[in-house]
């Protein structure tokens, strides 16, 4: 369905976007701190979105453990369970990143809506894959930005930690 070069390019986008986000985060070191629970929610949400993508495009990689194969089948059916398995983690991910610059979080929300709309409504696969690539790049940049802000925060003595 989707050839391997797409996945290589997608990985390249993610790898390239993190350093760009790191640079942007260090330029704005006084970003708001987030608590560990929201970081955990974000990681769980991201894991759920990755599982959704794997279930759709790489079903042979879904481990035959417990309810995972049945969940993957429901996701591939594109019914209500699939929509809940996409929209809830996508919303939680945006909420977890809410303390980053609003323009960047809004961009992520926009591309995640694009991914969902092109998945559940009749759009060409190429459009859906383009939105996935945009979401991966935006999210990787936001992760880099968060890491950059955390590493560039002033230390107790007033100097920057980065």
Protein backbone atom coordinates (compact mmCIF):
# COMPACT_ATOMS: atom_id res chain seq x y z
CA UNK A 1 0.00 0.00 0.00
CA UNK A 2 2.61 2.57 1.06
CA UNK A 3 6.12 1.91 -0.21
CA UNK A 4 9.14 1.93 2.11
CA UNK A 5 10.68 5.18 0.74
CA UNK A 6 7.78 7.10 2.30
CA UNK A 7 8.63 5.73 5.75
CA UNK A 8 12.32 6.57 5.25
CA UNK A 9 11.42 10.13 4.24
CA UNK A 10 9.04 10.39 7.20
CA UNK A 11 11.83 9.33 9.55
CA UNK A 12 14.12 11.90 7.94
CA UNK A 13 11.54 14.63 8.48
CA UNK A 14 11.29 13.73 12.16
CA UNK A 15 15.05 13.61 12.61
CA UNK A 16 15.54 16.95 10.84
CA UNK A 17 12.73 18.74 12.70
CA UNK A 18 14.00 18.03 16.22
CA UNK A 19 17.20 20.12 15.89
CA UNK A 20 15.22 22.93 14.29
CA UNK A 21 12.86 22.88 17.27
CA UNK A 22 15.81 22.76 19.67
CA UNK A 23 17.19 25.93 18.11
CA UNK A 24 13.81 27.67 18.32
CA UNK A 25 13.35 26.54 21.92
CA UNK A 26 16.72 27.90 22.99
CA UNK A 27 15.82 31.24 21.41
CA UNK A 28 12.82 31.43 23.78
CA UNK A 29 14.11 29.89 27.03
CA UNK A 30 11.40 31.26 29.28
CA UNK A 31 8.63 28.93 28.16
CA UNK A 32 6.20 27.72 30.78
CA UNK A 33 7.08 24.60 32.69
CA UNK A 34 4.83 21.58 32.42
CA UNK A 35 4.16 18.98 35.06
CA UNK A 36 5.16 15.35 34.68
CA UNK A 37 1.58 14.09 34.41
CA UNK A 38 1.02 16.05 31.19
CA UNK A 39 4.28 14.73 29.78
CA UNK A 40 3.08 11.19 30.56
CA UNK A 41 -0.31 11.90 28.94
CA UNK A 42 1.48 13.20 25.86
CA UNK A 43 3.68 10.12 25.62
CA UNK A 44 0.67 7.79 26.00
CA UNK A 45 -1.28 9.81 23.40
CA UNK A 46 1.64 9.67 20.98
CA UNK A 47 1.93 5.91 21.52
CA UNK A 48 -1.78 5.50 20.76
CA UNK A 49 -1.44 7.55 17.55
CA UNK A 50 1.58 5.50 16.48
CA UNK A 51 -0.39 2.30 17.14
CA UNK A 52 -3.25 3.67 15.02
CA UNK A 53 -0.85 4.38 12.16
CA UNK A 54 0.84 0.98 12.45
CA UNK A 55 -2.55 -0.77 12.52
CA UNK A 56 -3.59 1.04 9.34
CA UNK A 57 -0.41 0.89 7.26
CA UNK A 58 1.78 -1.86 8.75
CA UNK A 59 -0.64 -4.41 10.25
CA UNK A 60 1.96 -7.20 10.17
CA UNK A 61 3.90 -5.25 12.81
CA UNK A 62 1.03 -5.39 15.33
CA UNK A 63 2.12 -7.94 17.94
CA UNK A 64 -0.32 -10.84 18.45
CA UNK A 65 -0.63 -10.08 22.16
CA UNK A 66 -3.90 -9.83 24.07
CA UNK A 67 -6.40 -7.36 22.59
CA UNK A 68 -3.96 -5.71 20.15
CA UNK A 69 -4.96 -7.68 17.00
CA UNK A 70 -8.67 -7.08 17.65
CA UNK A 71 -8.02 -3.38 18.30
CA UNK A 72 -6.03 -3.15 15.06
CA UNK A 73 -8.90 -4.79 13.16
CA UNK A 74 -11.35 -2.24 14.61
CA UNK A 75 -9.01 0.60 13.65
CA UNK A 76 -8.70 -0.65 10.07
CA UNK A 77 -12.51 -0.82 9.81
CA UNK A 78 -12.56 3.02 10.13
CA UNK A 79 -15.74 2.97 12.22
CA UNK A 80 -16.51 4.70 15.50
CA UNK A 81 -13.84 2.77 17.47
CA UNK A 82 -11.24 3.87 14.92
CA UNK A 83 -12.38 7.47 15.16
CA UNK A 84 -12.24 7.40 18.96
CA UNK A 85 -8.82 5.73 18.80
CA UNK A 86 -7.60 8.66 16.67
CA UNK A 87 -9.42 11.78 17.89
CA UNK A 88 -9.05 11.20 21.64
CA UNK A 89 -5.24 10.74 21.60
CA UNK A 90 -4.85 13.58 19.08
CA UNK A 91 -6.78 15.91 21.38
CA UNK A 92 -4.84 14.73 24.43
CA UNK A 93 -1.54 15.28 22.62
CA UNK A 94 -2.45 18.88 21.77
CA UNK A 95 -3.55 19.44 25.38
CA UNK A 96 -0.28 18.00 26.67
CA UNK A 97 1.70 20.47 24.53
CA UNK A 98 -0.50 23.48 25.33
CA UNK A 99 2.25 25.39 27.16
CA UNK A 100 4.43 25.66 24.08
CA UNK A 101 4.04 28.70 21.79
CA UNK A 102 0.37 28.95 20.74
CA UNK A 103 1.16 29.33 17.04
CA UNK A 104 3.12 26.06 17.04
CA UNK A 105 0.45 24.16 19.00
CA UNK A 106 -2.24 25.55 16.68
CA UNK A 107 -0.21 24.33 13.69
CA UNK A 108 -0.03 20.86 15.22
CA UNK A 109 -3.77 20.87 15.92
CA UNK A 110 -4.42 21.91 12.33
CA UNK A 111 -2.33 19.15 10.79
CA UNK A 112 -3.81 16.56 13.18
CA UNK A 113 -7.29 17.64 12.06
CA UNK A 114 -6.04 17.28 8.47
CA UNK A 115 -4.82 13.75 9.20
CA UNK A 116 -8.17 12.80 10.73
CA UNK A 117 -10.32 14.38 8.04
CA UNK A 118 -8.33 12.82 5.20
CA UNK A 119 -8.45 9.44 6.95
CA UNK A 120 -12.16 9.25 7.72
CA UNK A 121 -13.53 11.15 4.71
CA UNK A 122 -12.91 10.18 1.08
CA UNK A 123 -9.60 11.82 0.20
CA UNK A 124 -6.77 10.45 -1.94
CA UNK A 125 -4.14 8.51 0.00
CA UNK A 126 -1.44 10.95 -1.14
CA UNK A 127 -3.23 13.82 0.63
CA UNK A 128 -3.51 11.78 3.82
CA UNK A 129 0.18 10.84 3.66
CA UNK A 130 1.13 14.49 3.15
CA UNK A 131 -0.80 15.45 6.30
CA UNK A 132 0.89 12.62 8.22
CA UNK A 133 4.29 13.94 7.11
CA UNK A 134 3.30 17.47 8.16
CA UNK A 135 2.10 16.20 11.54
CA UNK A 136 5.32 14.25 12.13
CA UNK A 137 7.46 17.25 11.21
CA UNK A 138 5.41 19.64 13.34
CA UNK A 139 5.36 17.31 16.33
CA UNK A 140 9.09 16.59 16.10
CA UNK A 141 9.75 20.33 15.95
CA UNK A 142 7.56 20.90 19.02
CA UNK A 143 9.36 18.15 20.93
CA UNK A 144 12.67 19.75 20.00
CA UNK A 145 11.32 23.14 21.05
CA UNK A 146 10.25 21.80 24.44
CA UNK A 147 13.66 20.19 24.95
CA UNK A 148 15.38 23.39 23.87
CA UNK A 149 13.36 25.49 26.30
CA UNK A 150 14.07 23.08 29.13
CA UNK A 151 17.81 23.06 28.45
CA UNK A 152 18.03 26.85 28.09
CA UNK A 153 16.18 27.80 31.28
CA UNK A 154 18.11 30.04 33.65
CA UNK A 155 19.86 28.23 36.47
CA UNK A 156 19.41 29.36 40.07
CA UNK A 157 22.43 31.66 39.74
CA UNK A 158 20.88 33.40 36.69
CA UNK A 159 23.09 31.79 34.04
CA UNK A 160 21.61 29.70 31.24
CA UNK A 161 21.91 25.94 31.60
CA UNK A 162 22.60 25.39 27.89
